[in-house]
C-alpha atoms as a PDB file:
ATOM      1  CA  UNK A   1       5.251 -46.151  17.829  1.00  0.00           C
ATOM      2  CA  UNK A   2       4.994 -45.042  21.161  1.00  0.00           C
ATOM      3  CA  UNK A   3       3.725 -47.941  23.528  1.00  0.00           C
ATOM      4  CA  UNK A   4       0.748 -46.997  25.610  1.00  0.00           C
ATOM      5  CA  UNK A   5       0.493 -48.677  29.287  1.00  0.00           C
ATOM      6  CA  UNK A   6      -3.002 -49.391  30.790  1.00  0.00           C
ATOM      7  CA  UNK A   7      -4.916 -49.641  33.795  1.00  0.00           C
ATOM      8  CA  UNK A   8      -7.617 -52.663  34.073  1.00  0.00           C
ATOM      9  CA  UNK A   9     -11.110 -51.425  34.989  1.00  0.00           C
ATOM     10  CA  UNK A  10     -13.909 -53.643  35.869  1.00  0.00           C
ATOM     11  CA  UNK A  11     -17.548 -52.297  35.311  1.00  0.00           C
ATOM     12  CA  UNK A  12     -21.236 -53.338  36.036  1.00  0.00           C
ATOM     13  CA  UNK A  13     -24.143 -52.825  33.941  1.00  0.00           C
ATOM     14  CA  UNK A  14     -26.694 -53.423  36.390  1.00  0.00           C
ATOM     15  CA  UNK A  15     -30.087 -53.482  35.173  1.00  0.00           C
ATOM     16  CA  UNK A  16     -33.647 -52.896  37.190  1.00  0.00           C
ATOM     17  CA  UNK A  17     -37.030 -54.977  36.353  1.00  0.00           C
ATOM     18  CA  UNK A  18     -37.758 -52.399  33.640  1.00  0.00           C
ATOM     19  CA  UNK A  19     -34.351 -52.974  31.439  1.00  0.00           C
ATOM     20  CA  UNK A  20     -33.049 -49.803  32.869  1.00  0.00           C
ATOM     21  CA  UNK A  21     -29.211 -49.230  33.967  1.00  0.00           C
ATOM     22  CA  UNK A  22     -27.793 -47.839  37.082  1.00  0.00           C
ATOM     23  CA  UNK A  23     -26.118 -44.895  36.728  1.00  0.00           C
ATOM     24  CA  UNK A  24     -23.977 -43.393  39.687  1.00  0.00           C
ATOM     25  CA  UNK A  25     -22.688 -39.781  40.147  1.00  0.00           C
ATOM     26  CA  UNK A  26     -19.672 -38.823  42.622  1.00  0.00           C
ATOM     27  CA  UNK A  27     -16.588 -36.941  43.447  1.00  0.00           C
ATOM     28  CA  UNK A  28     -15.702 -34.036  41.104  1.00  0.00           C
ATOM     29  CA  UNK A  29     -15.714 -34.002  37.997  1.00  0.00           C
ATOM     30  CA  UNK A  30     -19.070 -35.338  38.905  1.00  0.00           C
ATOM     31  CA  UNK A  31     -19.287 -37.329  35.750  1.00  0.00           C
ATOM     32  CA  UNK A  32     -22.117 -40.001  35.268  1.00  0.00           C
ATOM     33  CA  UNK A  33     -20.622 -43.635  35.048  1.00  0.00           C
ATOM     34  CA  UNK A  34     -21.850 -47.355  36.181  1.00  0.00           C
ATOM     35  CA  UNK A  35     -20.224 -48.510  38.893  1.00  0.00           C
ATOM     36  CA  UNK A  36     -17.071 -50.213  39.154  1.00  0.00           C
ATOM     37  CA  UNK A  37     -13.071 -49.280  39.203  1.00  0.00           C
ATOM     38  CA  UNK A  38      -9.677 -50.594  38.869  1.00  0.00           C
ATOM     39  CA  UNK A  39      -8.544 -54.016  39.576  1.00  0.00           C
ATOM     40  CA  UNK A  40      -5.908 -54.118  42.220  1.00  0.00           C
ATOM     41  CA  UNK A  41      -2.872 -56.033  42.268  1.00  0.00           C
ATOM     42  CA  UNK A  42      -3.364 -59.906  43.016  1.00  0.00           C
ATOM     43  CA  UNK A  43      -6.919 -59.479  42.372  1.00  0.00           C
ATOM     44  CA  UNK A  44      -9.324 -61.740  40.295  1.00  0.00           C
ATOM     45  CA  UNK A  45     -11.571 -59.657  37.564  1.00  0.00           C
ATOM     46  CA  UNK A  46     -15.040 -60.911  39.008  1.00  0.00           C
ATOM     47  CA  UNK A  47     -13.474 -60.423  42.865  1.00  0.00           C
ATOM     48  CA  UNK A  48     -12.340 -56.797  41.925  1.00  0.00           C
ATOM     49  CA  UNK A  49     -15.977 -56.097  40.390  1.00  0.00           C
ATOM     50  CA  UNK A  50     -17.589 -57.602  43.118  1.00  0.00           C
ATOM     51  CA  UNK A  51     -15.240 -55.534  45.518  1.00  0.00           C
ATOM     52  CA  UNK A  52     -16.047 -52.002  43.834  1.00  0.00           C
ATOM     53  CA  UNK A  53     -19.644 -52.865  44.022  1.00  0.00           C
ATOM     54  CA  UNK A  54     -19.584 -53.380  47.480  1.00  0.00           C
ATOM     55  CA  UNK A  55     -17.265 -50.445  48.209  1.00  0.00           C
ATOM     56  CA  UNK A  56     -19.958 -48.078  46.197  1.00  0.00           C
ATOM     57  CA  UNK A  57     -23.096 -49.406  47.011  1.00  0.00           C
ATOM     58  CA  UNK A  58     -23.308 -51.915  49.659  1.00  0.00           C
ATOM     59  CA  UNK A  59     -23.969 -54.771  47.434  1.00  0.00           C
ATOM     60  CA  UNK A  60     -22.473 -58.118  48.708  1.00  0.00           C
ATOM     61  CA  UNK A  61     -24.490 -60.423  46.690  1.00  0.00           C
ATOM     62  CA  UNK A  62     -24.061 -58.895  43.027  1.00  0.00           C
ATOM     63  CA  UNK A  63     -24.850 -61.603  40.360  1.00  0.00           C
ATOM     64  CA  UNK A  64     -22.334 -61.394  37.304  1.00  0.00           C
ATOM     65  CA  UNK A  65     -23.879 -62.447  34.125  1.00  0.00           C
ATOM     66  CA  UNK A  66     -21.177 -62.524  31.770  1.00  0.00           C
ATOM     67  CA  UNK A  67     -18.635 -60.443  29.436  1.00  0.00           C
ATOM     68  CA  UNK A  68     -21.096 -57.500  27.986  1.00  0.00           C
ATOM     69  CA  UNK A  69     -17.797 -55.714  26.070  1.00  0.00           C
ATOM     70  CA  UNK A  70     -14.322 -54.712  26.650  1.00  0.00           C
ATOM     71  CA  UNK A  71     -13.081 -51.100  25.771  1.00  0.00           C
ATOM     72  CA  UNK A  72     -10.784 -48.489  25.523  1.00  0.00           C
ATOM     73  CA  UNK A  73     -12.055 -45.648  27.830  1.00  0.00           C
ATOM     74  CA  UNK A  74     -11.769 -41.842  26.430  1.00  0.00           C
ATOM     75  CA  UNK A  75     -10.085 -40.262  29.593  1.00  0.00           C
ATOM     76  CA  UNK A  76      -6.929 -41.087  30.633  1.00  0.00           C
ATOM     77  CA  UNK A  77      -5.498 -42.286  34.062  1.00  0.00           C
ATOM     78  CA  UNK A  78      -2.712 -39.671  35.860  1.00  0.00           C
ATOM     79  CA  UNK A  79      -1.085 -41.705  38.459  1.00  0.00           C
ATOM     80  CA  UNK A  80       1.175 -38.881  39.351  1.00  0.00           C
ATOM     81  CA  UNK A  81       4.289 -40.553  38.059  1.00  0.00           C
ATOM     82  CA  UNK A  82       2.754 -40.704  34.238  1.00  0.00           C
ATOM     83  CA  UNK A  83      -0.640 -40.535  32.284  1.00  0.00           C
ATOM     84  CA  UNK A  84      -2.130 -44.305  31.212  1.00  0.00           C
ATOM     85  CA  UNK A  85      -4.795 -45.412  29.391  1.00  0.00           C
ATOM     86  CA  UNK A  86      -7.888 -47.280  30.729  1.00  0.00           C
ATOM     87  CA  UNK A  87      -9.031 -50.220  29.588  1.00  0.00           C
ATOM     88  CA  UNK A  88     -12.623 -51.359  30.778  1.00  0.00           C
ATOM     89  CA  UNK A  89     -14.234 -54.594  31.295  1.00  0.00           C
ATOM     90  CA  UNK A  90     -17.841 -54.643  31.208  1.00  0.00           C
ATOM     91  CA  UNK A  91     -19.882 -57.126  32.661  1.00  0.00           C
ATOM     92  CA  UNK A  92     -23.809 -57.700  32.715  1.00  0.00           C
ATOM     93  CA  UNK A  93     -24.832 -58.242  36.168  1.00  0.00           C
ATOM     94  CA  UNK A  94     -27.779 -58.316  38.194  1.00  0.00           C
ATOM     95  CA  UNK A  95     -28.949 -57.306  41.958  1.00  0.00           C
ATOM     96  CA  UNK A  96     -30.846 -60.067  43.513  1.00  0.00           C
ATOM     97  CA  UNK A  97     -34.567 -59.333  44.457  1.00  0.00           C
ATOM     98  CA  UNK A  98     -35.125 -57.142  47.391  1.00  0.00           C
ATOM     99  CA  UNK A  99     -31.446 -55.031  47.113  1.00  0.00           C
ATOM    100  CA  UNK A 100     -31.505 -51.891  48.360  1.00  0.00           C
ATOM    101  CA  UNK A 101     -28.636 -49.376  47.087  1.00  0.00           C
ATOM    102  CA  UNK A 102     -26.112 -47.057  50.105  1.00  0.00           C
ATOM    103  CA  UNK A 103     -25.067 -44.119  49.107  1.00  0.00           C
ATOM    104  CA  UNK A 104     -21.138 -45.287  50.179  1.00  0.00           C
ATOM    105  CA  UNK A 105     -17.603 -44.696  48.170  1.00  0.00           C
ATOM    106  CA  UNK A 106     -16.999 -41.866  45.344  1.00  0.00           C
ATOM    107  CA  UNK A 107     -20.765 -42.249  44.215  1.00  0.00           C
ATOM    108  CA  UNK A 108     -23.461 -40.428  46.029  1.00  0.00           C
ATOM    109  CA  UNK A 109     -26.278 -40.039  43.994  1.00  0.00           C
ATOM    110  CA  UNK A 110     -27.592 -43.140  41.881  1.00  0.00           C
ATOM    111  CA  UNK A 111     -30.317 -43.233  38.929  1.00  0.00           C
ATOM    112  CA  UNK A 112     -32.018 -45.578  36.575  1.00  0.00           C
ATOM    113  CA  UNK A 113     -31.572 -44.865  32.920  1.00  0.00           C
ATOM    114  CA  UNK A 114     -33.014 -46.009  29.549  1.00  0.00           C
ATOM    115  CA  UNK A 115     -30.113 -47.273  26.999  1.00  0.00           C
ATOM    116  CA  UNK A 116     -30.261 -43.863  25.073  1.00  0.00           C
ATOM    117  CA  UNK A 117     -30.323 -41.814  27.894  1.00  0.00           C
ATOM    118  CA  UNK A 118     -27.503 -43.812  29.790  1.00  0.00           C
ATOM    119  CA  UNK A 119     -25.444 -43.745  26.674  1.00  0.00           C
ATOM    120  CA  UNK A 120     -25.470 -39.824  26.258  1.00  0.00           C
ATOM    121  CA  UNK A 121     -24.744 -39.949  29.915  1.00  0.00           C
ATOM    122  CA  UNK A 122     -21.609 -41.738  29.198  1.00  0.00           C
ATOM    123  CA  UNK A 123     -20.397 -40.249  26.158  1.00  0.00           C
ATOM    124  CA  UNK A 124     -17.658 -38.347  28.271  1.00  0.00           C
ATOM    125  CA  UNK A 125     -15.785 -41.405  29.079  1.00  0.00           C
ATOM    126  CA  UNK A 126     -17.021 -44.799  26.780  1.00  0.00           C
ATOM    127  CA  UNK A 127     -16.052 -44.708  22.824  1.00  0.00           C
ATOM    128  CA  UNK A 128     -18.924 -44.285  19.696  1.00  0.00           C
ATOM    129  CA  UNK A 129     -18.739 -47.635  19.166  1.00  0.00           C
ATOM    130  CA  UNK A 130     -19.458 -49.164  22.915  1.00  0.00           C
ATOM    131  CA  UNK A 131     -22.358 -45.813  22.862  1.00  0.00           C
ATOM    132  CA  UNK A 132     -23.806 -47.137  19.724  1.00  0.00           C
ATOM    133  CA  UNK A 133     -24.322 -50.740  20.956  1.00  0.00           C
ATOM    134  CA  UNK A 134     -25.609 -49.457  23.918  1.00  0.00           C
ATOM    135  CA  UNK A 135     -28.525 -47.417  21.976  1.00  0.00           C
END
């Protein structure tokens, strides 16, 4: 049995008042995703999530409500030295009222999507069980 190594990432399910999820699209290959990124050495999970959301959306007051799910991504990470799996911790989050999104970091397109549409847009990265739960 071959042992798999993983990077750990954190992602934010940010919903608007209508219950739609914030979707972001950016640098090539320009696939849709939800805000977030990888945890850096010495960083806590929530600290990493807040940092990533601030870098990508300019939001510094993200409210983290709780863990939604933990999944193994369908995509891999090529570090240049080795190809690693990607474990994602997805948290339900909320933006304080009146918060505006900025175009920052790797993501320059942001849209709100219902659960079914979001599941379709995320199908390149997230496993079937996660997408089924989202639908």
